[in-house]
Amino acid sequence: MQKQITFRQYRTMDLFFFSLILVISEVLITLGATVWFPGEPYTVSLSCAVAAIVMVRWGWWAAVPMAAGSIAFCLVSHAAPVQWIIYAAGSMLGLVMVPVLKKKGWESLHGNVLWLLGYGLCAALLMQLGRAAVALVLGNSLQVCAGFFTTDILSTLFSVLLVWIAKRLDGMLEEQRHYLKRIQEENKQGY
């Protein structure tokens, strides 16, 4: 008989895989922007999209892949210590969406496409706002802070698109305790 994993083990594996996806993508995107195509002003990052998806799945635990993505970006781009603070701390403002999701319920994302798209947009914009705010507090100019929004516009659109796509994948944009219970019930009923 096959041993089942615990809920904690499942959560750890899920967070590990989302973090791994984010780290690999951030490394490749950062190398693309700094080494392979250094003249391009825009990049597309999965950071906001992965954060938005993991917030639905695990709530506050989304901080894990958010931190992993920030660390990967900073390592590969040889960021100055102040940039580590900007990216690691600033990105966490996206977690403001966790209590919003708890209040509205993750199911609401499946019933209203405008709310779904707005959720993806808000998660991305809050992460960028957090980075800009931390940069401003640390003495950067408004022009530098505005750059967090202008250079990440494609990432913002990509985040909205990926959240919309994730909704269509069974269990992807679903609170995972609910998902596991639903799957267990479906298995009992023989689906």
N, C-alpha and C. Protein backbone atom coordinates (compact mmCIF):
# COMPACT_ATOMS: atom_id res chain seq x y z
N MET A 1 0.84 -1.18 0.00
CA MET A 1 0.00 0.00 0.00
C MET A 1 0.89 1.25 0.00
N GLN A 2 0.50 2.22 -0.82
CA GLN A 2 1.28 3.43 -0.96
C GLN A 2 1.01 4.38 0.22
N LYS A 3 2.08 4.89 0.79
CA LYS A 3 1.95 5.82 1.91
C LYS A 3 1.55 7.20 1.38
N GLN A 4 0.54 7.80 2.01
CA GLN A 4 0.11 9.12 1.61
C GLN A 4 0.96 10.18 2.29
N ILE A 5 1.13 11.28 1.59
CA ILE A 5 1.89 12.37 2.19
C ILE A 5 0.95 13.21 3.07
N THR A 6 1.54 13.90 4.00
CA THR A 6 0.74 14.75 4.89
C THR A 6 0.42 16.06 4.18
N PHE A 7 -0.52 16.78 4.75
CA PHE A 7 -0.87 18.09 4.21
C PHE A 7 0.33 19.02 4.22
N ARG A 8 1.09 18.99 5.30
CA ARG A 8 2.29 19.84 5.42
C ARG A 8 3.32 19.47 4.34
N GLN A 9 3.50 18.18 4.09
CA GLN A 9 4.43 17.76 3.04
C GLN A 9 3.95 18.21 1.66
N TYR A 10 2.65 18.10 1.43
CA TYR A 10 2.08 18.54 0.15
C TYR A 10 2.31 20.04 -0.04
N ARG A 11 2.03 20.83 1.01
CA ARG A 11 2.23 22.28 0.94
C ARG A 11 3.70 22.60 0.67
N THR A 12 4.60 21.92 1.36
CA THR A 12 6.03 22.15 1.18
C THR A 12 6.45 21.85 -0.25
N MET A 13 5.99 20.72 -0.78
CA MET A 13 6.32 20.37 -2.17
C MET A 13 5.76 21.39 -3.15
N ASP A 14 4.53 21.80 -2.94
CA ASP A 14 3.88 22.76 -3.83
C ASP A 14 4.63 24.09 -3.81
N LEU A 15 4.94 24.57 -2.62
CA LEU A 15 5.69 25.82 -2.50
C LEU A 15 7.08 25.70 -3.11
N PHE A 16 7.71 24.53 -2.92
CA PHE A 16 9.03 24.30 -3.50
C PHE A 16 8.96 24.38 -5.02
N PHE A 17 7.98 23.72 -5.63
CA PHE A 17 7.90 23.71 -7.10
C PHE A 17 7.57 25.09 -7.66
N PHE A 18 6.65 25.82 -7.01
CA PHE A 18 6.37 27.18 -7.47
C PHE A 18 7.59 28.07 -7.30
N SER A 19 8.31 27.90 -6.19
CA SER A 19 9.53 28.68 -5.97
C SER A 19 10.58 28.33 -7.01
N LEU A 20 10.71 27.05 -7.32
CA LEU A 20 11.69 26.61 -8.31
C LEU A 20 11.36 27.19 -9.69
N ILE A 21 10.09 27.14 -10.06
CA ILE A 21 9.66 27.72 -11.34
C ILE A 21 10.02 29.20 -11.37
N LEU A 22 9.75 29.88 -10.28
CA LEU A 22 10.01 31.31 -10.22
C LEU A 22 11.51 31.61 -10.24
N VAL A 23 12.30 30.85 -9.51
CA VAL A 23 13.75 31.07 -9.48
C VAL A 23 14.35 30.83 -10.87
N ILE A 24 13.99 29.74 -11.50
CA ILE A 24 14.53 29.44 -12.84
C ILE A 24 14.13 30.52 -13.83
N SER A 25 12.85 30.91 -13.80
CA SER A 25 12.40 31.94 -14.74
C SER A 25 13.08 33.29 -14.46
N GLU A 26 13.24 33.66 -13.19
CA GLU A 26 13.89 34.93 -12.87
C GLU A 26 15.35 34.91 -13.29
N VAL A 27 16.02 33.78 -13.10
CA VAL A 27 17.42 33.68 -13.53
C VAL A 27 17.51 33.85 -15.04
N LEU A 28 16.67 33.14 -15.79
CA LEU A 28 16.72 33.23 -17.25
C LEU A 28 16.34 34.62 -17.75
N ILE A 29 15.30 35.19 -17.16
CA ILE A 29 14.86 36.52 -17.57
C ILE A 29 15.92 37.57 -17.24
N THR A 30 16.52 37.46 -16.07
CA THR A 30 17.55 38.43 -15.68
C THR A 30 18.78 38.29 -16.55
N LEU A 31 19.18 37.06 -16.85
CA LEU A 31 20.30 36.87 -17.77
C LEU A 31 19.96 37.43 -19.14
N GLY A 32 18.74 37.20 -19.59
CA GLY A 32 18.31 37.74 -20.87
C GLY A 32 18.40 39.26 -20.91
N ALA A 33 17.97 39.90 -19.83
CA ALA A 33 17.95 41.36 -19.79
C ALA A 33 19.33 41.97 -19.58
N THR A 34 20.21 41.26 -18.87
CA THR A 34 21.51 41.85 -18.53
C THR A 34 22.66 41.35 -19.40
N VAL A 35 22.55 40.13 -19.94
CA VAL A 35 23.66 39.55 -20.69
C VAL A 35 23.31 39.36 -22.16
N TRP A 36 22.20 38.71 -22.44
CA TRP A 36 21.88 38.35 -23.81
C TRP A 36 21.26 39.50 -24.61
N PHE A 37 20.41 40.30 -24.00
CA PHE A 37 19.74 41.41 -24.67
C PHE A 37 19.78 42.66 -23.79
N PRO A 38 20.97 43.17 -23.50
CA PRO A 38 21.09 44.26 -22.53
C PRO A 38 20.44 45.58 -22.97
N GLY A 39 20.15 45.77 -24.24
CA GLY A 39 19.58 47.02 -24.71
C GLY A 39 18.06 47.09 -24.59
N GLU A 40 17.43 45.99 -24.26
CA GLU A 40 15.96 45.96 -24.20
C GLU A 40 15.48 46.61 -22.90
N PRO A 41 14.58 47.57 -23.00
CA PRO A 41 14.11 48.24 -21.78
C PRO A 41 13.04 47.46 -21.02
N TYR A 42 12.39 46.52 -21.67
CA TYR A 42 11.29 45.78 -21.04
C TYR A 42 11.62 44.31 -20.89
N THR A 43 11.16 43.73 -19.81
CA THR A 43 11.28 42.30 -19.59
C THR A 43 9.92 41.77 -19.15
N VAL A 44 9.78 40.47 -19.19
CA VAL A 44 8.56 39.83 -18.72
C VAL A 44 8.95 38.88 -17.59
N SER A 45 8.42 39.15 -16.42
CA SER A 45 8.71 38.34 -15.24
C SER A 45 7.48 37.56 -14.82
N LEU A 46 7.70 36.35 -14.31
CA LEU A 46 6.60 35.53 -13.78
C LEU A 46 6.32 35.82 -12.31
N SER A 47 7.11 36.68 -11.71
CA SER A 47 7.05 36.90 -10.28
C SER A 47 5.65 37.27 -9.78
N CYS A 48 5.03 38.24 -10.39
CA CYS A 48 3.70 38.68 -9.93
C CYS A 48 2.64 37.61 -10.19
N ALA A 49 2.73 36.94 -11.33
CA ALA A 49 1.75 35.90 -11.65
C ALA A 49 1.85 34.73 -10.68
N VAL A 50 3.07 34.27 -10.41
CA VAL A 50 3.25 33.16 -9.48
C VAL A 50 2.78 33.57 -8.08
N ALA A 51 3.12 34.78 -7.66
CA ALA A 51 2.67 35.26 -6.35
C ALA A 51 1.15 35.26 -6.26
N ALA A 52 0.49 35.76 -7.30
CA ALA A 52 -0.97 35.82 -7.30
C ALA A 52 -1.59 34.42 -7.22
N ILE A 53 -1.04 33.48 -7.95
CA ILE A 53 -1.56 32.11 -7.93
C ILE A 53 -1.33 31.46 -6.57
N VAL A 54 -0.14 31.61 -6.02
CA VAL A 54 0.18 30.98 -4.74
C VAL A 54 -0.61 31.64 -3.59
N MET A 55 -0.92 32.92 -3.71
CA MET A 55 -1.76 33.55 -2.69
C MET A 55 -3.13 32.89 -2.62
N VAL A 56 -3.68 32.51 -3.76
CA VAL A 56 -4.96 31.81 -3.76
C VAL A 56 -4.79 30.43 -3.15
N ARG A 57 -3.75 29.73 -3.52
CA ARG A 57 -3.52 28.36 -3.07
C ARG A 57 -3.18 28.26 -1.58
N TRP A 58 -2.31 29.18 -1.09
CA TRP A 58 -1.74 29.04 0.25
C TRP A 58 -1.79 30.29 1.12
N GLY A 59 -2.37 31.36 0.64
CA GLY A 59 -2.44 32.57 1.45
C GLY A 59 -1.08 33.18 1.71
N TRP A 60 -0.81 33.44 2.99
CA TRP A 60 0.43 34.12 3.39
C TRP A 60 1.69 33.36 2.98
N TRP A 61 1.59 32.07 2.75
CA TRP A 61 2.75 31.28 2.34
C TRP A 61 3.29 31.75 0.99
N ALA A 62 2.54 32.55 0.27
CA ALA A 62 3.04 33.10 -1.00
C ALA A 62 4.32 33.90 -0.81
N ALA A 63 4.58 34.32 0.42
CA ALA A 63 5.82 35.05 0.70
C ALA A 63 7.05 34.20 0.37
N VAL A 64 6.93 32.89 0.43
CA VAL A 64 8.09 32.01 0.16
C VAL A 64 8.55 32.14 -1.29
N PRO A 65 7.69 31.88 -2.29
CA PRO A 65 8.17 32.06 -3.67
C PRO A 65 8.45 33.52 -4.02
N MET A 66 7.75 34.46 -3.38
CA MET A 66 8.03 35.87 -3.63
C MET A 66 9.47 36.19 -3.20
N ALA A 67 9.86 35.71 -2.03
CA ALA A 67 11.22 35.93 -1.55
C ALA A 67 12.23 35.20 -2.43
N ALA A 68 11.92 33.97 -2.82
CA ALA A 68 12.83 33.19 -3.66
C ALA A 68 13.07 33.89 -4.99
N GLY A 69 12.01 34.42 -5.60
CA GLY A 69 12.15 35.14 -6.86
C GLY A 69 12.98 36.40 -6.71
N SER A 70 12.76 37.13 -5.62
CA SER A 70 13.54 38.35 -5.37
C SER A 70 15.01 38.03 -5.16
N ILE A 71 15.27 36.98 -4.41
CA ILE A 71 16.67 36.58 -4.16
C ILE A 71 17.35 36.18 -5.45
N ALA A 72 16.65 35.39 -6.27
CA ALA A 72 17.22 34.95 -7.55
C ALA A 72 17.54 36.15 -8.44
N PHE A 73 16.60 37.08 -8.53
CA PHE A 73 16.82 38.28 -9.34
C PHE A 73 18.03 39.06 -8.84
N CYS A 74 18.10 39.28 -7.54
CA CYS A 74 19.20 40.06 -6.97
C CYS A 74 20.54 39.37 -7.14
N LEU A 75 20.57 38.06 -6.96
CA LEU A 75 21.83 37.33 -7.13
C LEU A 75 22.35 37.43 -8.56
N VAL A 76 21.47 37.14 -9.51
CA VAL A 76 21.91 37.09 -10.90
C VAL A 76 22.23 38.48 -11.45
N SER A 77 21.52 39.49 -10.98
CA SER A 77 21.78 40.85 -11.47
C SER A 77 22.88 41.56 -10.69
N HIS A 78 23.50 40.85 -9.74
CA HIS A 78 24.56 41.42 -8.90
C HIS A 78 24.08 42.72 -8.25
N ALA A 79 22.92 42.64 -7.66
CA ALA A 79 22.27 43.81 -7.06
C ALA A 79 23.05 44.34 -5.87
N ALA A 80 22.97 45.62 -5.71
CA ALA A 80 23.55 46.28 -4.54
C ALA A 80 22.68 45.95 -3.32
N PRO A 81 23.23 46.05 -2.11
CA PRO A 81 22.44 45.73 -0.91
C PRO A 81 21.10 46.47 -0.84
N VAL A 82 21.07 47.71 -1.28
CA VAL A 82 19.82 48.46 -1.23
C VAL A 82 18.77 47.85 -2.17
N GLN A 83 19.20 47.30 -3.29
CA GLN A 83 18.27 46.65 -4.22
C GLN A 83 17.68 45.37 -3.62
N TRP A 84 18.46 44.68 -2.83
CA TRP A 84 17.95 43.49 -2.14
C TRP A 84 16.77 43.88 -1.25
N ILE A 85 16.93 44.98 -0.55
CA ILE A 85 15.86 45.46 0.34
C ILE A 85 14.65 45.87 -0.48
N ILE A 86 14.89 46.59 -1.56
CA ILE A 86 13.79 47.06 -2.41
C ILE A 86 12.98 45.87 -2.94
N TYR A 87 13.66 44.88 -3.49
CA TYR A 87 12.95 43.77 -4.11
C TYR A 87 12.36 42.81 -3.08
N ALA A 88 13.12 42.47 -2.07
CA ALA A 88 12.62 41.48 -1.09
C ALA A 88 11.49 42.07 -0.25
N ALA A 89 11.70 43.25 0.30
CA ALA A 89 10.68 43.85 1.17
C ALA A 89 9.54 44.45 0.35
N GLY A 90 9.88 45.14 -0.72
CA GLY A 90 8.85 45.81 -1.52
C GLY A 90 7.85 44.86 -2.14
N SER A 91 8.32 43.73 -2.62
CA SER A 91 7.41 42.77 -3.26
C SER A 91 6.33 42.26 -2.31
N MET A 92 6.65 42.26 -1.03
CA MET A 92 5.71 41.72 -0.04
C MET A 92 4.42 42.53 0.09
N LEU A 93 4.40 43.75 -0.47
CA LEU A 93 3.16 44.52 -0.43
C LEU A 93 2.05 43.80 -1.19
N GLY A 94 2.42 42.96 -2.13
CA GLY A 94 1.42 42.16 -2.85
C GLY A 94 0.59 41.29 -1.93
N LEU A 95 1.13 40.96 -0.77
CA LEU A 95 0.41 40.13 0.19
C LEU A 95 -0.83 40.82 0.76
N VAL A 96 -1.00 42.09 0.48
CA VAL A 96 -2.23 42.79 0.87
C VAL A 96 -3.45 42.08 0.27
N MET A 97 -3.25 41.38 -0.82
CA MET A 97 -4.37 40.69 -1.47
C MET A 97 -4.83 39.46 -0.69
N VAL A 98 -4.03 38.95 0.23
CA VAL A 98 -4.43 37.76 1.00
C VAL A 98 -5.68 38.03 1.84
N PRO A 99 -5.72 39.09 2.66
CA PRO A 99 -6.96 39.33 3.40
C PRO A 99 -8.15 39.66 2.50
N VAL A 100 -7.87 40.28 1.37
CA VAL A 100 -8.95 40.57 0.42
C VAL A 100 -9.54 39.26 -0.10
N LEU A 101 -8.66 38.32 -0.44
CA LEU A 101 -9.12 37.00 -0.90
C LEU A 101 -9.88 36.26 0.19
N LYS A 102 -9.38 36.35 1.41
CA LYS A 102 -10.05 35.68 2.53
C LYS A 102 -11.45 36.24 2.73
N LYS A 103 -11.58 37.56 2.59
CA LYS A 103 -12.88 38.20 2.78
C LYS A 103 -13.85 37.85 1.64
N LYS A 104 -13.38 37.94 0.43
CA LYS A 104 -14.24 37.69 -0.73
C LYS A 104 -14.39 36.19 -1.02
N GLY A 105 -13.43 35.41 -0.59
CA GLY A 105 -13.42 33.98 -0.88
C GLY A 105 -12.78 33.71 -2.23
N TRP A 106 -11.92 32.71 -2.28
CA TRP A 106 -11.23 32.39 -3.53
C TRP A 106 -12.22 32.01 -4.63
N GLU A 107 -13.38 31.48 -4.23
CA GLU A 107 -14.39 31.07 -5.21
C GLU A 107 -14.88 32.25 -6.04
N SER A 108 -14.82 33.45 -5.46
CA SER A 108 -15.30 34.64 -6.18
C SER A 108 -14.49 34.91 -7.45
N LEU A 109 -13.25 34.43 -7.48
CA LEU A 109 -12.42 34.59 -8.67
C LEU A 109 -12.98 33.80 -9.85
N HIS A 110 -13.69 32.73 -9.55
CA HIS A 110 -14.23 31.87 -10.61
C HIS A 110 -15.59 32.34 -11.10
N GLY A 111 -16.24 33.22 -10.34
CA GLY A 111 -17.58 33.65 -10.70
C GLY A 111 -17.66 35.00 -11.39
N ASN A 112 -16.55 35.73 -11.43
CA ASN A 112 -16.58 37.09 -11.97
C ASN A 112 -15.25 37.36 -12.68
N VAL A 113 -15.30 37.39 -14.00
CA VAL A 113 -14.07 37.55 -14.77
C VAL A 113 -13.42 38.91 -14.52
N LEU A 114 -14.22 39.95 -14.28
CA LEU A 114 -13.61 41.27 -14.01
C LEU A 114 -12.86 41.26 -12.68
N TRP A 115 -13.43 40.61 -11.68
CA TRP A 115 -12.73 40.48 -10.39
C TRP A 115 -11.47 39.65 -10.56
N LEU A 116 -11.55 38.58 -11.34
CA LEU A 116 -10.39 37.73 -11.60
C LEU A 116 -9.26 38.55 -12.24
N LEU A 117 -9.57 39.29 -13.29
CA LEU A 117 -8.56 40.11 -13.96
C LEU A 117 -8.07 41.23 -13.04
N GLY A 118 -9.00 41.82 -12.28
CA GLY A 118 -8.62 42.86 -11.33
C GLY A 118 -7.72 42.34 -10.24
N TYR A 119 -7.97 41.10 -9.81
CA TYR A 119 -7.11 40.48 -8.80
C TYR A 119 -5.68 40.34 -9.33
N GLY A 120 -5.53 39.81 -10.53
CA GLY A 120 -4.19 39.68 -11.12
C GLY A 120 -3.51 41.02 -11.28
N LEU A 121 -4.28 42.03 -11.70
CA LEU A 121 -3.74 43.37 -11.87
C LEU A 121 -3.33 43.98 -10.53
N CYS A 122 -4.19 43.87 -9.53
CA CYS A 122 -3.89 44.44 -8.21
C CYS A 122 -2.67 43.78 -7.57
N ALA A 123 -2.58 42.46 -7.68
CA ALA A 123 -1.43 41.76 -7.10
C ALA A 123 -0.13 42.28 -7.73
N ALA A 124 -0.12 42.43 -9.05
CA ALA A 124 1.08 42.91 -9.74
C ALA A 124 1.38 44.36 -9.37
N LEU A 125 0.36 45.21 -9.40
CA LEU A 125 0.58 46.62 -9.10
C LEU A 125 1.01 46.84 -7.65
N LEU A 126 0.47 46.06 -6.73
CA LEU A 126 0.87 46.20 -5.33
C LEU A 126 2.34 45.81 -5.13
N MET A 127 2.78 44.75 -5.83
CA MET A 127 4.19 44.37 -5.72
C MET A 127 5.08 45.49 -6.26
N GLN A 128 4.68 46.09 -7.37
CA GLN A 128 5.46 47.18 -7.95
C GLN A 128 5.41 48.42 -7.08
N LEU A 129 4.23 48.71 -6.53
CA LEU A 129 4.08 49.84 -5.62
C LEU A 129 4.96 49.65 -4.38
N GLY A 130 5.00 48.43 -3.87
CA GLY A 130 5.85 48.15 -2.72
C GLY A 130 7.32 48.40 -3.01
N ARG A 131 7.77 47.96 -4.17
CA ARG A 131 9.16 48.20 -4.56
C ARG A 131 9.43 49.69 -4.71
N ALA A 132 8.50 50.39 -5.36
CA ALA A 132 8.68 51.83 -5.55
C ALA A 132 8.68 52.57 -4.21
N ALA A 133 7.79 52.17 -3.31
CA ALA A 133 7.71 52.83 -2.00
C ALA A 133 8.99 52.61 -1.19
N VAL A 134 9.49 51.38 -1.19
CA VAL A 134 10.73 51.10 -0.46
C VAL A 134 11.88 51.88 -1.09
N ALA A 135 11.93 51.93 -2.41
CA ALA A 135 12.98 52.69 -3.10
C ALA A 135 12.91 54.16 -2.74
N LEU A 136 11.70 54.71 -2.67
CA LEU A 136 11.52 56.12 -2.33
C LEU A 136 11.98 56.39 -0.90
N VAL A 137 11.59 55.51 0.03
CA VAL A 137 12.00 55.66 1.43
C VAL A 137 13.52 55.60 1.56
N LEU A 138 14.15 54.80 0.71
CA LEU A 138 15.61 54.66 0.77
C LEU A 138 16.34 55.76 0.00
N GLY A 139 15.59 56.77 -0.46
CA GLY A 139 16.23 57.94 -1.04
C GLY A 139 16.30 58.00 -2.55
N ASN A 140 15.66 57.09 -3.25
CA ASN A 140 15.67 57.14 -4.71
C ASN A 140 14.72 58.22 -5.21
N SER A 141 14.97 58.71 -6.41
CA SER A 141 14.14 59.76 -6.99
C SER A 141 12.80 59.19 -7.45
N LEU A 142 11.84 60.09 -7.66
CA LEU A 142 10.52 59.68 -8.17
C LEU A 142 10.66 59.04 -9.55
N GLN A 143 11.61 59.51 -10.34
CA GLN A 143 11.83 58.95 -11.67
C GLN A 143 12.25 57.48 -11.58
N VAL A 144 13.14 57.19 -10.66
CA VAL A 144 13.57 55.80 -10.45
C VAL A 144 12.39 54.96 -9.98
N CYS A 145 11.60 55.50 -9.06
CA CYS A 145 10.45 54.78 -8.52
C CYS A 145 9.39 54.52 -9.58
N ALA A 146 9.19 55.49 -10.48
CA ALA A 146 8.22 55.30 -11.57
C ALA A 146 8.66 54.17 -12.49
N GLY A 147 9.95 53.96 -12.57
CA GLY A 147 10.48 52.89 -13.42
C GLY A 147 10.00 51.52 -13.01
N PHE A 148 9.62 51.33 -11.75
CA PHE A 148 9.12 50.03 -11.32
C PHE A 148 7.79 49.71 -12.01
N PHE A 149 7.06 50.74 -12.41
CA PHE A 149 5.79 50.53 -13.10
C PHE A 149 5.97 50.47 -14.61
N THR A 150 6.78 51.38 -15.15
CA THR A 150 6.91 51.46 -16.61
C THR A 150 7.67 50.27 -17.19
N THR A 151 8.75 49.86 -16.54
CA THR A 151 9.51 48.73 -17.10
C THR A 151 8.83 47.39 -16.84
N ASP A 152 7.90 47.35 -15.90
CA ASP A 152 7.21 46.10 -15.59
C ASP A 152 5.81 46.02 -16.20
N ILE A 153 5.49 46.91 -17.13
CA ILE A 153 4.15 46.91 -17.71
C ILE A 153 3.84 45.58 -18.40
N LEU A 154 4.80 45.01 -19.10
CA LEU A 154 4.57 43.72 -19.76
C LEU A 154 4.38 42.61 -18.72
N SER A 155 5.12 42.69 -17.63
CA SER A 155 4.96 41.70 -16.56
C SER A 155 3.58 41.81 -15.93
N THR A 156 3.08 43.03 -15.81
CA THR A 156 1.75 43.24 -15.25
C THR A 156 0.69 42.60 -16.15
N LEU A 157 0.79 42.86 -17.44
CA LEU A 157 -0.16 42.26 -18.38
C LEU A 157 -0.04 40.74 -18.40
N PHE A 158 1.19 40.27 -18.34
CA PHE A 158 1.45 38.83 -18.32
C PHE A 158 0.86 38.20 -17.06
N SER A 159 0.95 38.89 -15.95
CA SER A 159 0.38 38.40 -14.69
C SER A 159 -1.13 38.25 -14.81
N VAL A 160 -1.78 39.25 -15.36
CA VAL A 160 -3.24 39.19 -15.54
C VAL A 160 -3.60 38.02 -16.44
N LEU A 161 -2.87 37.85 -17.53
CA LEU A 161 -3.12 36.75 -18.46
C LEU A 161 -2.91 35.39 -17.80
N LEU A 162 -1.83 35.22 -17.06
CA LEU A 162 -1.55 33.93 -16.42
C LEU A 162 -2.56 33.59 -15.33
N VAL A 163 -3.04 34.58 -14.60
CA VAL A 163 -4.07 34.33 -13.59
C VAL A 163 -5.35 33.88 -14.29
N TRP A 164 -5.68 34.52 -15.40
CA TRP A 164 -6.86 34.13 -16.18
C TRP A 164 -6.74 32.70 -16.70
N ILE A 165 -5.56 32.35 -17.20
CA ILE A 165 -5.32 30.99 -17.69
C ILE A 165 -5.37 29.99 -16.54
N ALA A 166 -4.77 30.34 -15.40
CA ALA A 166 -4.73 29.44 -14.25
C ALA A 166 -6.14 29.07 -13.78
N LYS A 167 -7.07 29.98 -13.92
CA LYS A 167 -8.45 29.72 -13.52
C LYS A 167 -9.02 28.53 -14.29
N ARG A 168 -8.58 28.34 -15.50
CA ARG A 168 -9.10 27.28 -16.35
C ARG A 168 -8.49 25.90 -16.07
N LEU A 169 -7.45 25.87 -15.30
CA LEU A 169 -6.79 24.61 -14.97
C LEU A 169 -7.34 24.09 -13.64
N ASP A 170 -7.81 22.88 -13.63
CA ASP A 170 -8.46 22.32 -12.45
C ASP A 170 -7.53 22.36 -11.24
N GLY A 171 -7.98 23.04 -10.19
CA GLY A 171 -7.25 23.09 -8.94
C GLY A 171 -6.12 24.09 -8.88
N MET A 172 -5.79 24.71 -9.99
CA MET A 172 -4.64 25.62 -9.99
C MET A 172 -4.95 26.90 -9.21
N LEU A 173 -6.11 27.47 -9.43
CA LEU A 173 -6.49 28.71 -8.75
C LEU A 173 -7.59 28.37 -7.75
N GLU A 174 -7.20 27.52 -6.79
CA GLU A 174 -8.13 27.03 -5.77
C GLU A 174 -7.38 26.87 -4.46
N GLU A 175 -8.02 27.27 -3.39
CA GLU A 175 -7.42 27.07 -2.07
C GLU A 175 -7.15 25.57 -1.93
N GLN A 176 -5.94 25.20 -1.56
CA GLN A 176 -5.52 23.80 -1.68
C GLN A 176 -6.15 22.86 -0.66
N ARG A 177 -6.51 23.33 0.50
CA ARG A 177 -7.22 22.47 1.45
C ARG A 177 -8.57 22.06 0.84
N HIS A 178 -9.24 23.03 0.23
CA HIS A 178 -10.51 22.76 -0.45
C HIS A 178 -10.30 21.81 -1.62
N TYR A 179 -9.26 22.06 -2.39
CA TYR A 179 -8.96 21.23 -3.55
C TYR A 179 -8.74 19.76 -3.15
N LEU A 180 -7.95 19.55 -2.11
CA LEU A 180 -7.67 18.18 -1.68
C LEU A 180 -8.94 17.47 -1.18
N LYS A 181 -9.77 18.20 -0.45
CA LYS A 181 -11.04 17.62 0.01
C LYS A 181 -11.94 17.30 -1.17
N ARG A 182 -11.99 18.20 -2.15
CA ARG A 182 -12.82 17.97 -3.34
C ARG A 182 -12.36 16.75 -4.12
N ILE A 183 -11.07 16.62 -4.30
CA ILE A 183 -10.51 15.47 -5.03
C ILE A 183 -10.80 14.18 -4.27
N GLN A 184 -10.66 14.22 -2.95
CA GLN A 184 -10.95 13.04 -2.14
C GLN A 184 -12.41 12.62 -2.29
N GLU A 185 -13.32 13.58 -2.27
CA GLU A 185 -14.75 13.29 -2.45
C GLU A 185 -15.02 12.72 -3.84
N GLU A 186 -14.39 13.29 -4.84
CA GLU A 186 -14.59 12.81 -6.20
C GLU A 186 -14.06 11.38 -6.36
N ASN A 187 -12.94 11.07 -5.70
CA ASN A 187 -12.40 9.71 -5.75
C ASN A 187 -13.33 8.73 -5.06
N LYS A 188 -13.94 9.15 -3.93
CA LYS A 188 -14.89 8.27 -3.25
C LYS A 188 -16.11 8.00 -4.11
N GLN A 189 -16.54 8.99 -4.86
CA GLN A 189 -17.72 8.84 -5.69
C GLN A 189 -17.41 8.18 -7.02
N GLY A 190 -16.15 7.95 -7.30
CA GLY A 190 -15.74 7.22 -8.50
C GLY A 190 -15.69 8.04 -9.77
N TYR A 191 -15.43 9.35 -9.67
CA TYR A 191 -15.32 10.19 -10.88
C TYR A 191 -14.08 9.87 -11.63
